[in-house]
C-alpha atoms as a PDB file:
ATOM      1  CA  MET A   1     100.648 126.226 113.297  1.00  0.00           C
ATOM      2  CA  THR A   2     100.636 125.383 116.925  1.00  0.00           C
ATOM      3  CA  GLU A   3      97.323 123.566 117.583  1.00  0.00           C
ATOM      4  CA  ASN A   4      94.546 126.010 118.693  1.00  0.00           C
ATOM      5  CA  TYR A   5      97.057 128.932 118.708  1.00  0.00           C
ATOM      6  CA  THR A   6      94.902 132.097 118.178  1.00  0.00           C
ATOM      7  CA  ILE A   7      95.672 135.812 117.699  1.00  0.00           C
ATOM      8  CA  TYR A   8      94.596 136.298 121.402  1.00  0.00           C
ATOM      9  CA  ASP A   9      97.479 133.853 122.174  1.00  0.00           C
ATOM     10  CA  LEU A  10      99.841 135.868 120.021  1.00  0.00           C
ATOM     11  CA  ALA A  11      98.995 139.184 121.527  1.00  0.00           C
ATOM     12  CA  ARG A  12      99.524 137.825 124.879  1.00  0.00           C
ATOM     13  CA  ASP A  13     102.997 136.176 124.108  1.00  0.00           C
ATOM     14  CA  CYS A  14     104.105 139.328 122.483  1.00  0.00           C
ATOM     15  CA  GLY A  15     102.779 141.521 125.346  1.00  0.00           C
ATOM     16  CA  VAL A  16     100.714 143.843 122.923  1.00  0.00           C
ATOM     17  CA  SER A  17      97.039 144.212 122.277  1.00  0.00           C
ATOM     18  CA  VAL A  18      95.098 142.164 119.626  1.00  0.00           C
ATOM     19  CA  ALA A  19      94.700 145.528 117.596  1.00  0.00           C
ATOM     20  CA  THR A  20      98.427 145.850 117.316  1.00  0.00           C
ATOM     21  CA  ILE A  21      98.779 142.239 116.141  1.00  0.00           C
ATOM     22  CA  SER A  22      96.130 143.125 113.613  1.00  0.00           C
ATOM     23  CA  ARG A  23      97.948 146.293 112.441  1.00  0.00           C
ATOM     24  CA  VAL A  24     101.170 144.146 111.897  1.00  0.00           C
ATOM     25  CA  ILE A  25      99.141 141.701 109.894  1.00  0.00           C
ATOM     26  CA  ASN A  26      97.347 144.300 107.666  1.00  0.00           C
ATOM     27  CA  GLY A  27     100.749 146.085 107.162  1.00  0.00           C
ATOM     28  CA  SER A  28      99.744 149.096 109.122  1.00  0.00           C
ATOM     29  CA  PRO A  29     102.662 151.857 109.464  1.00  0.00           C
ATOM     30  CA  ALA A  30     101.343 152.603 112.971  1.00  0.00           C
ATOM     31  CA  VAL A  31     103.459 149.986 114.629  1.00  0.00           C
ATOM     32  CA  SER A  32     107.207 150.580 115.683  1.00  0.00           C
ATOM     33  CA  ALA A  33     109.893 148.590 113.900  1.00  0.00           C
ATOM     34  CA  ARG A  34     110.815 146.921 117.281  1.00  0.00           C
ATOM     35  CA  THR A  35     107.256 145.667 117.852  1.00  0.00           C
ATOM     36  CA  ARG A  36     106.616 144.696 114.188  1.00  0.00           C
ATOM     37  CA  GLU A  37     109.849 142.602 114.390  1.00  0.00           C
ATOM     38  CA  LYS A  38     108.733 140.807 117.705  1.00  0.00           C
ATOM     39  CA  VAL A  39     105.257 140.164 116.308  1.00  0.00           C
ATOM     40  CA  GLN A  40     106.457 138.867 112.890  1.00  0.00           C
ATOM     41  CA  LYS A  41     109.330 136.667 114.724  1.00  0.00           C
ATOM     42  CA  ALA A  42     106.349 135.123 117.025  1.00  0.00           C
ATOM     43  CA  ILE A  43     104.132 134.582 113.828  1.00  0.00           C
ATOM     44  CA  LYS A  44     107.032 132.712 112.076  1.00  0.00           C
ATOM     45  CA  GLU A  45     107.775 130.537 115.372  1.00  0.00           C
ATOM     46  CA  HIS A  46     104.121 129.481 115.746  1.00  0.00           C
ATOM     47  CA  ASN A  47     103.547 129.110 112.012  1.00  0.00           C
ATOM     48  CA  PHE A  48     100.590 131.331 112.537  1.00  0.00           C
ATOM     49  CA  THR A  49      98.125 131.900 109.776  1.00  0.00           C
ATOM     50  CA  PRO A  50      95.725 134.894 110.130  1.00  0.00           C
ATOM     51  CA  ASN A  51      92.091 133.967 109.598  1.00  0.00           C
ATOM     52  CA  ALA A  52      89.109 136.028 108.966  1.00  0.00           C
ATOM     53  CA  PHE A  53      88.684 136.974 112.420  1.00  0.00           C
ATOM     54  CA  ALA A  54      92.177 138.524 112.487  1.00  0.00           C
ATOM     55  CA  ARG A  55      91.955 140.335 109.092  1.00  0.00           C
ATOM     56  CA  GLY A  56      88.666 141.810 110.042  1.00  0.00           C
ATOM     57  CA  MET A  57      90.176 143.728 113.084  1.00  0.00           C
ATOM     58  CA  ASN A  58      91.863 146.562 111.532  1.00  0.00           C
ATOM     59  CA  LYS A  59      89.371 148.478 109.483  1.00  0.00           C
ATOM     60  CA  MET A  60      87.430 151.686 109.066  1.00  0.00           C
ATOM     61  CA  ALA A  61      83.682 151.729 109.970  1.00  0.00           C
ATOM     62  CA  THR A  62      81.447 150.481 107.129  1.00  0.00           C
ATOM     63  CA  ARG A  63      78.060 151.255 108.724  1.00  0.00           C
ATOM     64  CA  ILE A  64      76.981 147.739 107.951  1.00  0.00           C
ATOM     65  CA  ILE A  65      75.722 145.259 110.405  1.00  0.00           C
ATOM     66  CA  ALA A  66      75.608 141.559 109.620  1.00  0.00           C
ATOM     67  CA  VAL A  67      72.099 140.015 110.991  1.00  0.00           C
ATOM     68  CA  LEU A  68      72.046 136.373 111.522  1.00  0.00           C
ATOM     69  CA  ILE A  69      68.903 134.430 111.587  1.00  0.00           C
ATOM     70  CA  SER A  70      68.090 130.733 111.459  1.00  0.00           C
ATOM     71  CA  ASP A  71      64.975 130.492 109.440  1.00  0.00           C
ATOM     72  CA  ILE A  72      63.786 133.050 106.942  1.00  0.00           C
ATOM     73  CA  ALA A  73      60.323 131.412 106.770  1.00  0.00           C
ATOM     74  CA  ASN A  74      59.648 131.563 110.405  1.00  0.00           C
ATOM     75  CA  PRO A  75      57.547 134.949 111.145  1.00  0.00           C
ATOM     76  CA  PHE A  76      59.075 135.386 114.425  1.00  0.00           C
ATOM     77  CA  PHE A  77      62.491 136.459 112.602  1.00  0.00           C
ATOM     78  CA  ALA A  78      60.543 138.555 109.918  1.00  0.00           C
ATOM     79  CA  ASP A  79      59.281 140.994 112.785  1.00  0.00           C
ATOM     80  CA  ILE A  80      62.557 141.291 114.555  1.00  0.00           C
ATOM     81  CA  VAL A  81      64.442 141.837 111.326  1.00  0.00           C
ATOM     82  CA  LYS A  82      61.922 144.450 110.470  1.00  0.00           C
ATOM     83  CA  GLY A  83      62.568 146.217 113.574  1.00  0.00           C
ATOM     84  CA  ILE A  84      66.163 146.079 113.281  1.00  0.00           C
ATOM     85  CA  GLU A  85      66.204 147.360 109.522  1.00  0.00           C
ATOM     86  CA  GLU A  86      63.924 150.290 110.374  1.00  0.00           C
ATOM     87  CA  THR A  87      66.033 151.518 113.119  1.00  0.00           C
ATOM     88  CA  CYS A  88      69.254 150.879 111.319  1.00  0.00           C
ATOM     89  CA  ARG A  89      68.079 153.056 108.631  1.00  0.00           C
ATOM     90  CA  ARG A  90      67.369 156.056 110.890  1.00  0.00           C
ATOM     91  CA  TYR A  91      71.049 155.794 111.958  1.00  0.00           C
ATOM     92  CA  ASP A  92      72.359 155.605 108.479  1.00  0.00           C
ATOM     93  CA  TYR A  93      73.401 151.899 108.864  1.00  0.00           C
ATOM     94  CA  ARG A  94      72.617 149.103 106.559  1.00  0.00           C
ATOM     95  CA  ILE A  95      72.216 145.441 107.188  1.00  0.00           C
ATOM     96  CA  ILE A  96      73.244 142.271 105.584  1.00  0.00           C
ATOM     97  CA  LEU A  97      70.952 139.224 106.271  1.00  0.00           C
ATOM     98  CA  CYS A  98      72.428 135.855 106.787  1.00  0.00           C
ATOM     99  CA  ILE A  99      70.378 132.555 107.104  1.00  0.00           C
ATOM    100  CA  THR A 100      72.192 129.823 109.302  1.00  0.00           C
ATOM    101  CA  ASN A 101      69.380 127.180 109.113  1.00  0.00           C
ATOM    102  CA  ASN A 102      70.131 126.213 112.720  1.00  0.00           C
ATOM    103  CA  ASP A 103      73.470 124.927 111.618  1.00  0.00           C
ATOM    104  CA  MET A 104      76.490 125.946 113.928  1.00  0.00           C
ATOM    105  CA  ASP A 105      79.008 125.180 111.219  1.00  0.00           C
ATOM    106  CA  LYS A 106      77.160 127.361 108.727  1.00  0.00           C
ATOM    107  CA  GLU A 107      76.755 130.083 111.241  1.00  0.00           C
ATOM    108  CA  ARG A 108      80.658 130.016 111.978  1.00  0.00           C
ATOM    109  CA  THR A 109      81.266 130.280 108.088  1.00  0.00           C
ATOM    110  CA  GLU A 110      78.825 133.311 107.807  1.00  0.00           C
ATOM    111  CA  LEU A 111      80.735 135.097 110.808  1.00  0.00           C
ATOM    112  CA  GLU A 112      83.900 134.648 108.974  1.00  0.00           C
ATOM    113  CA  MET A 113      82.729 135.781 105.523  1.00  0.00           C
ATOM    114  CA  MET A 114      80.936 138.846 107.155  1.00  0.00           C
ATOM    115  CA  LEU A 115      84.295 139.757 108.986  1.00  0.00           C
ATOM    116  CA  GLN A 116      86.056 139.393 105.494  1.00  0.00           C
ATOM    117  CA  LYS A 117      83.534 141.898 104.229  1.00  0.00           C
ATOM    118  CA  GLN A 118      84.674 144.205 106.966  1.00  0.00           C
ATOM    119  CA  VAL A 119      81.126 144.577 108.670  1.00  0.00           C
ATOM    120  CA  ASP A 120      81.078 146.793 111.850  1.00  0.00           C
ATOM    121  CA  GLY A 121      79.666 143.852 113.835  1.00  0.00           C
ATOM    122  CA  PHE A 122      76.647 141.520 114.472  1.00  0.00           C
ATOM    123  CA  ILE A 123      73.102 141.220 115.601  1.00  0.00           C
ATOM    124  CA  ILE A 124      72.495 137.354 116.147  1.00  0.00           C
ATOM    125  CA  CYS A 125      68.567 136.461 116.410  1.00  0.00           C
ATOM    126  CA  GLY A 126      67.152 133.575 117.947  1.00  0.00           C
ATOM    127  CA  SER A 127      67.660 130.920 120.674  1.00  0.00           C
ATOM    128  CA  ARG A 128      70.933 129.300 121.277  1.00  0.00           C
ATOM    129  CA  PRO A 129      71.485 125.499 121.197  1.00  0.00           C
ATOM    130  CA  VAL A 130      72.083 123.770 124.683  1.00  0.00           C
ATOM    131  CA  ASP A 131      75.207 122.447 123.184  1.00  0.00           C
ATOM    132  CA  ASP A 132      76.542 125.967 121.619  1.00  0.00           C
ATOM    133  CA  THR A 133      79.709 125.143 119.838  1.00  0.00           C
ATOM    134  CA  ASN A 134      80.112 128.825 118.816  1.00  0.00           C
ATOM    135  CA  GLU A 135      80.135 130.399 122.233  1.00  0.00           C
ATOM    136  CA  GLY A 136      83.854 131.008 122.299  1.00  0.00           C
ATOM    137  CA  VAL A 137      83.901 132.258 118.805  1.00  0.00           C
ATOM    138  CA  LEU A 138      81.323 134.973 119.674  1.00  0.00           C
ATOM    139  CA  ARG A 139      82.954 135.995 122.779  1.00  0.00           C
ATOM    140  CA  LYS A 140      86.349 136.407 120.779  1.00  0.00           C
ATOM    141  CA  ILE A 141      84.677 138.418 117.937  1.00  0.00           C
ATOM    142  CA  SER A 142      83.279 140.519 120.760  1.00  0.00           C
ATOM    143  CA  GLU A 143      86.739 141.759 121.876  1.00  0.00           C
ATOM    144  CA  VAL A 144      86.765 143.870 118.923  1.00  0.00           C
ATOM    145  CA  HIS A 145      83.486 143.993 117.317  1.00  0.00           C
ATOM    146  CA  PRO A 146      79.874 144.690 118.909  1.00  0.00           C
ATOM    147  CA  VAL A 147      77.605 141.621 119.134  1.00  0.00           C
ATOM    148  CA  VAL A 148      74.145 141.730 120.210  1.00  0.00           C
ATOM    149  CA  MET A 149      72.017 138.774 120.839  1.00  0.00           C
ATOM    150  CA  VAL A 150      68.312 138.909 120.457  1.00  0.00           C
ATOM    151  CA  ASN A 151      66.362 136.349 122.403  1.00  0.00           C
ATOM    152  CA  SER A 152      69.398 134.721 123.726  1.00  0.00           C
ATOM    153  CA  ARG A 153      72.255 135.216 126.043  1.00  0.00           C
ATOM    154  CA  ILE A 154      75.888 134.445 126.094  1.00  0.00           C
ATOM    155  CA  ASP A 155      77.802 135.517 129.108  1.00  0.00           C
ATOM    156  CA  GLY A 156      81.378 137.103 129.007  1.00  0.00           C
ATOM    157  CA  GLY A 157      82.937 139.023 126.040  1.00  0.00           C
ATOM    158  CA  LYS A 158      83.899 142.565 125.945  1.00  0.00           C
ATOM    159  CA  LYS A 159      81.222 143.907 123.513  1.00  0.00           C
ATOM    160  CA  LEU A 160      78.797 140.951 123.767  1.00  0.00           C
ATOM    161  CA  TYR A 161      75.279 142.112 124.879  1.00  0.00           C
ATOM    162  CA  SER A 162      71.905 140.698 124.919  1.00  0.00           C
ATOM    163  CA  VAL A 163      68.098 141.878 124.439  1.00  0.00           C
ATOM    164  CA  LEU A 164      65.653 139.305 125.392  1.00  0.00           C
ATOM    165  CA  VAL A 165      62.547 138.379 127.285  1.00  0.00           C
ATOM    166  CA  ASP A 166      62.694 136.359 130.484  1.00  0.00           C
ATOM    167  CA  GLU A 167      60.959 133.501 128.944  1.00  0.00           C
ATOM    168  CA  LYS A 168      60.977 131.300 132.112  1.00  0.00           C
ATOM    169  CA  LYS A 169      59.361 134.072 134.272  1.00  0.00           C
ATOM    170  CA  ALA A 170      56.856 134.893 131.307  1.00  0.00           C
ATOM    171  CA  SER A 171      55.904 131.255 131.038  1.00  0.00           C
ATOM    172  CA  LYS A 172      55.305 130.773 134.930  1.00  0.00           C
ATOM    173  CA  ASN A 173      53.190 133.985 134.790  1.00  0.00           C
ATOM    174  CA  ALA A 174      51.062 132.755 131.765  1.00  0.00           C
ATOM    175  CA  LEU A 175      50.352 129.325 133.402  1.00  0.00           C
ATOM    176  CA  SER A 176      49.508 131.105 136.657  1.00  0.00           C
ATOM    177  CA  VAL A 177      46.975 133.143 134.899  1.00  0.00           C
ATOM    178  CA  LEU A 178      45.409 130.248 132.790  1.00  0.00           C
ATOM    179  CA  PHE A 179      45.134 127.708 135.542  1.00  0.00           C
ATOM    180  CA  SER A 180      43.534 130.137 138.004  1.00  0.00           C
ATOM    181  CA  LYS A 181      40.690 130.555 135.424  1.00  0.00           C
ATOM    182  CA  LYS A 182      40.012 126.847 134.544  1.00  0.00           C
ATOM    183  CA  SER A 183      40.462 123.675 136.445  1.00  0.00           C
ATOM    184  CA  TYR A 184      42.932 121.870 134.218  1.00  0.00           C
ATOM    185  CA  LYS A 185      43.995 118.557 135.840  1.00  0.00           C
ATOM    186  CA  ARG A 186      47.376 118.191 133.878  1.00  0.00           C
ATOM    187  CA  LEU A 187      49.934 120.221 132.055  1.00  0.00           C
ATOM    188  CA  TYR A 188      51.918 119.241 128.920  1.00  0.00           C
ATOM    189  CA  VAL A 189      54.701 120.774 126.927  1.00  0.00           C
ATOM    190  CA  PHE A 190      55.505 120.524 123.186  1.00  0.00           C
ATOM    191  CA  GLY A 191      58.978 121.765 122.298  1.00  0.00           C
ATOM    192  CA  ASP A 192      62.496 120.871 121.079  1.00  0.00           C
ATOM    193  CA  ARG A 193      65.012 120.385 124.010  1.00  0.00           C
ATOM    194  CA  VAL A 194      67.944 121.086 121.940  1.00  0.00           C
ATOM    195  CA  TRP A 195      67.304 125.005 122.369  1.00  0.00           C
ATOM    196  CA  ARG A 196      67.961 126.791 125.613  1.00  0.00           C
ATOM    197  CA  THR A 197      64.631 128.864 125.566  1.00  0.00           C
ATOM    198  CA  THR A 198      62.874 125.445 125.283  1.00  0.00           C
ATOM    199  CA  ALA A 199      64.690 124.306 128.373  1.00  0.00           C
ATOM    200  CA  ASP A 200      63.632 127.554 130.195  1.00  0.00           C
ATOM    201  CA  LYS A 201      60.138 126.827 129.308  1.00  0.00           C
ATOM    202  CA  ILE A 202      60.147 123.386 130.583  1.00  0.00           C
ATOM    203  CA  ARG A 203      61.817 124.393 133.884  1.00  0.00           C
ATOM    204  CA  ALA A 204      59.009 126.848 134.195  1.00  0.00           C
ATOM    205  CA  ALA A 205      56.328 124.252 133.651  1.00  0.00           C
ATOM    206  CA  GLU A 206      58.109 121.967 136.082  1.00  0.00           C
ATOM    207  CA  GLU A 207      58.330 124.527 138.754  1.00  0.00           C
ATOM    208  CA  PHE A 208      54.859 125.529 138.281  1.00  0.00           C
ATOM    209  CA  ALA A 209      53.472 121.903 138.452  1.00  0.00           C
ATOM    210  CA  SER A 210      55.471 121.185 141.657  1.00  0.00           C
ATOM    211  CA  GLU A 211      54.353 124.468 143.340  1.00  0.00           C
ATOM    212  CA  ASN A 212      50.732 123.756 142.468  1.00  0.00           C
ATOM    213  CA  GLY A 213      50.467 119.959 142.964  1.00  0.00           C
ATOM    214  CA  ILE A 214      50.021 119.183 139.315  1.00  0.00           C
ATOM    215  CA  PRO A 215      51.468 115.869 138.134  1.00  0.00           C
ATOM    216  CA  PHE A 216      54.328 116.453 135.691  1.00  0.00           C
ATOM    217  CA  GLY A 217      56.735 113.573 134.837  1.00  0.00           C
ATOM    218  CA  ASN A 218      57.252 111.028 132.101  1.00  0.00           C
ATOM    219  CA  GLY A 219      55.013 111.850 129.173  1.00  0.00           C
ATOM    220  CA  SER A 220      54.602 115.387 130.168  1.00  0.00           C
ATOM    221  CA  VAL A 221      57.035 116.800 127.501  1.00  0.00           C
ATOM    222  CA  ILE A 222      56.768 115.620 123.708  1.00  0.00           C
ATOM    223  CA  ASP A 223      59.771 116.697 121.786  1.00  0.00           C
ATOM    224  CA  CYS A 224      59.166 118.284 118.308  1.00  0.00           C
ATOM    225  CA  PRO A 225      60.769 120.925 116.256  1.00  0.00           C
ATOM    226  CA  HIS A 226      59.541 124.429 115.702  1.00  0.00           C
ATOM    227  CA  THR A 227      57.345 123.754 112.632  1.00  0.00           C
ATOM    228  CA  LEU A 228      53.706 123.287 111.954  1.00  0.00           C
ATOM    229  CA  GLU A 229      53.866 119.807 110.811  1.00  0.00           C
ATOM    230  CA  ALA A 230      55.913 118.904 113.811  1.00  0.00           C
ATOM    231  CA  GLY A 231      53.119 120.430 116.022  1.00  0.00           C
ATOM    232  CA  ARG A 232      50.575 118.272 114.225  1.00  0.00           C
ATOM    233  CA  GLU A 233      52.787 115.171 114.795  1.00  0.00           C
ATOM    234  CA  ALA A 234      53.195 116.048 118.534  1.00  0.00           C
ATOM    235  CA  ALA A 235      49.414 116.521 119.027  1.00  0.00           C
ATOM    236  CA  ARG A 236      48.885 112.825 117.306  1.00  0.00           C
ATOM    237  CA  ALA A 237      51.527 111.335 119.733  1.00  0.00           C
ATOM    238  CA  PHE A 238      49.911 113.202 122.654  1.00  0.00           C
ATOM    239  CA  ILE A 239      46.327 112.058 121.814  1.00  0.00           C
ATOM    240  CA  ALA A 240      47.724 108.396 121.223  1.00  0.00           C
ATOM    241  CA  GLY A 241      49.248 108.503 124.910  1.00  0.00           C
ATOM    242  CA  ASN A 242      45.713 108.804 126.593  1.00  0.00           C
ATOM    243  CA  PRO A 243      46.249 112.182 128.131  1.00  0.00           C
ATOM    244  CA  VAL A 244      44.122 113.310 131.057  1.00  0.00           C
ATOM    245  CA  PHE A 245      41.509 115.943 130.290  1.00  0.00           C
ATOM    246  CA  PRO A 246      40.967 118.639 130.821  1.00  0.00           C
ATOM    247  CA  CYS A 247      44.528 119.829 130.258  1.00  0.00           C
ATOM    248  CA  LEU A 248      46.740 122.593 129.087  1.00  0.00           C
ATOM    249  CA  VAL A 249      49.107 121.998 126.161  1.00  0.00           C
ATOM    250  CA  PHE A 250      52.069 124.706 126.507  1.00  0.00           C
ATOM    251  CA  CYS A 251      53.678 124.896 122.997  1.00  0.00           C
ATOM    252  CA  VAL A 252      56.906 126.661 123.195  1.00  0.00           C
ATOM    253  CA  SER A 253      56.515 128.309 119.939  1.00  0.00           C
ATOM    254  CA  ASP A 254      53.330 129.518 118.092  1.00  0.00           C
ATOM    255  CA  GLN A 255      54.295 127.462 115.060  1.00  0.00           C
ATOM    256  CA  ILE A 256      53.983 124.324 116.992  1.00  0.00           C
ATOM    257  CA  ALA A 257      50.855 125.499 118.685  1.00  0.00           C
ATOM    258  CA  LEU A 258      49.121 126.237 115.354  1.00  0.00           C
ATOM    259  CA  GLY A 259      49.911 122.754 114.008  1.00  0.00           C
ATOM    260  CA  ALA A 260      48.745 121.154 117.212  1.00  0.00           C
ATOM    261  CA  LEU A 261      45.552 123.171 117.092  1.00  0.00           C
ATOM    262  CA  LYS A 262      44.660 121.976 113.669  1.00  0.00           C
ATOM    263  CA  GLU A 263      45.207 118.359 114.645  1.00  0.00           C
ATOM    264  CA  PHE A 264      43.204 118.786 117.911  1.00  0.00           C
ATOM    265  CA  VAL A 265      40.406 120.306 116.029  1.00  0.00           C
ATOM    266  CA  GLY A 266      40.403 117.577 113.227  1.00  0.00           C
ATOM    267  CA  SER A 267      40.364 114.774 115.950  1.00  0.00           C
ATOM    268  CA  GLY A 268      37.188 116.224 117.517  1.00  0.00           C
ATOM    269  CA  LEU A 269      38.638 117.459 120.661  1.00  0.00           C
ATOM    270  CA  SER A 270      37.010 120.626 122.144  1.00  0.00           C
ATOM    271  CA  VAL A 271      39.779 123.241 121.971  1.00  0.00           C
ATOM    272  CA  GLY A 272      39.324 125.494 125.047  1.00  0.00           C
ATOM    273  CA  ASN A 273      37.515 122.852 126.845  1.00  0.00           C
ATOM    274  CA  ASP A 274      39.033 119.445 126.548  1.00  0.00           C
ATOM    275  CA  VAL A 275      42.342 121.014 125.911  1.00  0.00           C
ATOM    276  CA  GLY A 276      43.503 124.538 126.243  1.00  0.00           C
ATOM    277  CA  VAL A 277      46.559 125.546 124.081  1.00  0.00           C
ATOM    278  CA  LEU A 278      48.977 128.095 124.887  1.00  0.00           C
ATOM    279  CA  GLY A 279      51.584 129.400 122.346  1.00  0.00           C
ATOM    280  CA  PHE A 280      54.602 131.726 122.617  1.00  0.00           C
ATOM    281  CA  SER A 281      55.468 134.634 120.525  1.00  0.00           C
ATOM    282  CA  ASP A 282      52.381 136.086 119.099  1.00  0.00           C
ATOM    283  CA  ILE A 283      53.140 135.805 115.398  1.00  0.00           C
ATOM    284  CA  SER A 284      50.523 137.556 113.217  1.00  0.00           C
ATOM    285  CA  ILE A 285      48.511 134.411 112.164  1.00  0.00           C
ATOM    286  CA  SER A 286      47.975 133.455 115.742  1.00  0.00           C
ATOM    287  CA  SER A 287      44.889 135.686 115.904  1.00  0.00           C
ATOM    288  CA  LEU A 288      43.390 134.780 112.485  1.00  0.00           C
ATOM    289  CA  VAL A 289      43.073 131.105 112.952  1.00  0.00           C
ATOM    290  CA  THR A 290      40.125 129.363 114.304  1.00  0.00           C
ATOM    291  CA  PRO A 291      40.029 128.908 117.394  1.00  0.00           C
ATOM    292  CA  ALA A 292      42.374 131.959 117.832  1.00  0.00           C
ATOM    293  CA  LEU A 293      45.516 131.194 119.738  1.00  0.00           C
ATOM    294  CA  THR A 294      46.302 132.321 123.316  1.00  0.00           C
ATOM    295  CA  THR A 295      49.953 133.144 123.452  1.00  0.00           C
ATOM    296  CA  VAL A 296      52.775 135.350 125.003  1.00  0.00           C
ATOM    297  CA  ASP A 297      53.397 138.319 122.975  1.00  0.00           C
ATOM    298  CA  GLN A 298      57.419 138.994 122.868  1.00  0.00           C
ATOM    299  CA  HIS A 299      56.892 142.194 121.003  1.00  0.00           C
ATOM    300  CA  MET A 300      59.372 140.950 118.457  1.00  0.00           C
ATOM    301  CA  ARG A 301      59.600 144.157 116.429  1.00  0.00           C
ATOM    302  CA  SER A 302      60.557 145.998 119.614  1.00  0.00           C
ATOM    303  CA  LEU A 303      63.135 143.430 120.474  1.00  0.00           C
ATOM    304  CA  GLY A 304      64.687 144.147 117.078  1.00  0.00           C
ATOM    305  CA  GLU A 305      64.351 147.914 117.609  1.00  0.00           C
ATOM    306  CA  GLN A 306      66.122 147.679 120.999  1.00  0.00           C
ATOM    307  CA  ALA A 307      68.883 145.470 119.483  1.00  0.00           C
ATOM    308  CA  ALA A 308      69.623 148.025 116.775  1.00  0.00           C
ATOM    309  CA  ASN A 309      69.705 150.875 119.291  1.00  0.00           C
ATOM    310  CA  LEU A 310      71.919 148.931 121.502  1.00  0.00           C
ATOM    311  CA  PHE A 311      74.511 148.127 118.587  1.00  0.00           C
ATOM    312  CA  VAL A 312      74.569 151.700 117.519  1.00  0.00           C
ATOM    313  CA  SER A 313      75.357 152.951 121.304  1.00  0.00           C
ATOM    314  CA  ILE A 314      78.051 150.563 121.634  1.00  0.00           C
ATOM    315  CA  GLY A 315      79.534 151.416 118.174  1.00  0.00           C
ATOM    316  CA  ASN A 316      79.539 155.166 119.673  1.00  0.00           C
ATOM    317  CA  GLY A 317      81.395 154.013 122.857  1.00  0.00           C
ATOM    318  CA  ILE A 318      78.445 154.047 125.117  1.00  0.00           C
ATOM    319  CA  VAL A 319      78.634 150.796 127.242  1.00  0.00           C
ATOM    320  CA  THR A 320      77.150 149.879 130.558  1.00  0.00           C
ATOM    321  CA  GLU A 321      77.956 147.318 133.248  1.00  0.00           C
ATOM    322  CA  ALA A 322      74.818 145.523 132.463  1.00  0.00           C
ATOM    323  CA  LYS A 323      75.242 143.024 129.441  1.00  0.00           C
ATOM    324  CA  ALA A 324      71.432 141.668 129.316  1.00  0.00           C
ATOM    325  CA  PHE A 325      68.573 143.937 128.978  1.00  0.00           C
ATOM    326  CA  TYR A 326      65.136 142.262 129.557  1.00  0.00           C
ATOM    327  CA  SER A 327      62.139 143.386 127.383  1.00  0.00           C
ATOM    328  CA  ASP A 328      58.368 143.551 128.092  1.00  0.00           C
ATOM    329  CA  TYR A 329      56.026 140.804 127.196  1.00  0.00           C
ATOM    330  CA  ASP A 330      52.136 140.267 127.568  1.00  0.00           C
ATOM    331  CA  LEU A 331      49.839 137.240 127.831  1.00  0.00           C
ATOM    332  CA  VAL A 332      47.163 137.562 125.002  1.00  0.00           C
ATOM    333  CA  GLU A 333      44.145 135.341 125.891  1.00  0.00           C
ATOM    334  CA  ARG A 334      42.147 134.103 122.950  1.00  0.00           C
ATOM    335  CA  GLU A 335      39.725 131.183 122.103  1.00  0.00           C
ATOM    336  CA  SER A 336      42.335 128.378 122.527  1.00  0.00           C
ATOM    337  CA  THR A 337      42.053 128.689 126.344  1.00  0.00           C
END
């Protein structure tokens, strides 16, 4: 096979649509003999082997949507999936849940497997990595199948849409409110820079600090994955670095923030006075811990509902020029600040 030669290249060289190539591959009679011969000749010349992406293109609707999430244990995804499932059921759609474990190779495998199962399209939940090796794959899939991103955005693609919160804007708004109420001397961020949403929040913190004369530089960002234990480890590293008090620690997810809270309380720091803690997402447990966590509520179930409604609209041929739809958010102030 010619290196990197795809079904899209084949369609271009034959002067036909991708759908026509798919019909030839799948043996559909709805192709003229002349076109079929031309396509088959090109397939032979390029030693082209159709993969799952090609085989999934000529099918009847199954009313099944593949929903991809990275971590089934993360409450953030549980609320989004609940919103998706409840909305899909009203439209007589069903979902298949796929877990990728933040592994781009596994994500691609799941995409191919779901196309083989003839799903109607995809809803993909969660932030994308800064180095997203599957962007091109998702754009290609969206030439035929609806692909709706939740909490992330990929530009381009024919049926590639996004439902998300403007996390940079939400972060700056939250910081503005909290710093207006307390005289914090410094701002720190806990988060994993591999993810684009984390990069957005760090940029928000940098801009806010610069605009308000707050020192922000080396040591202001502590890298940690989105887990409770990572939040505790980040808090230990933060304390060991002799931070300036009083300060605000902005954790890019509630899971990180809850781990950090536990460590701060255990170390004897006065949470809310020595150190304020801001999370992001408002998962259910955030209001149940002591001290209760101040956080940005992304309304995760609503995000899931909007994504499912958008998918159904695209499937019914209702499309818009806008490819990204921004959802509401709220700052929920609790004891941690």
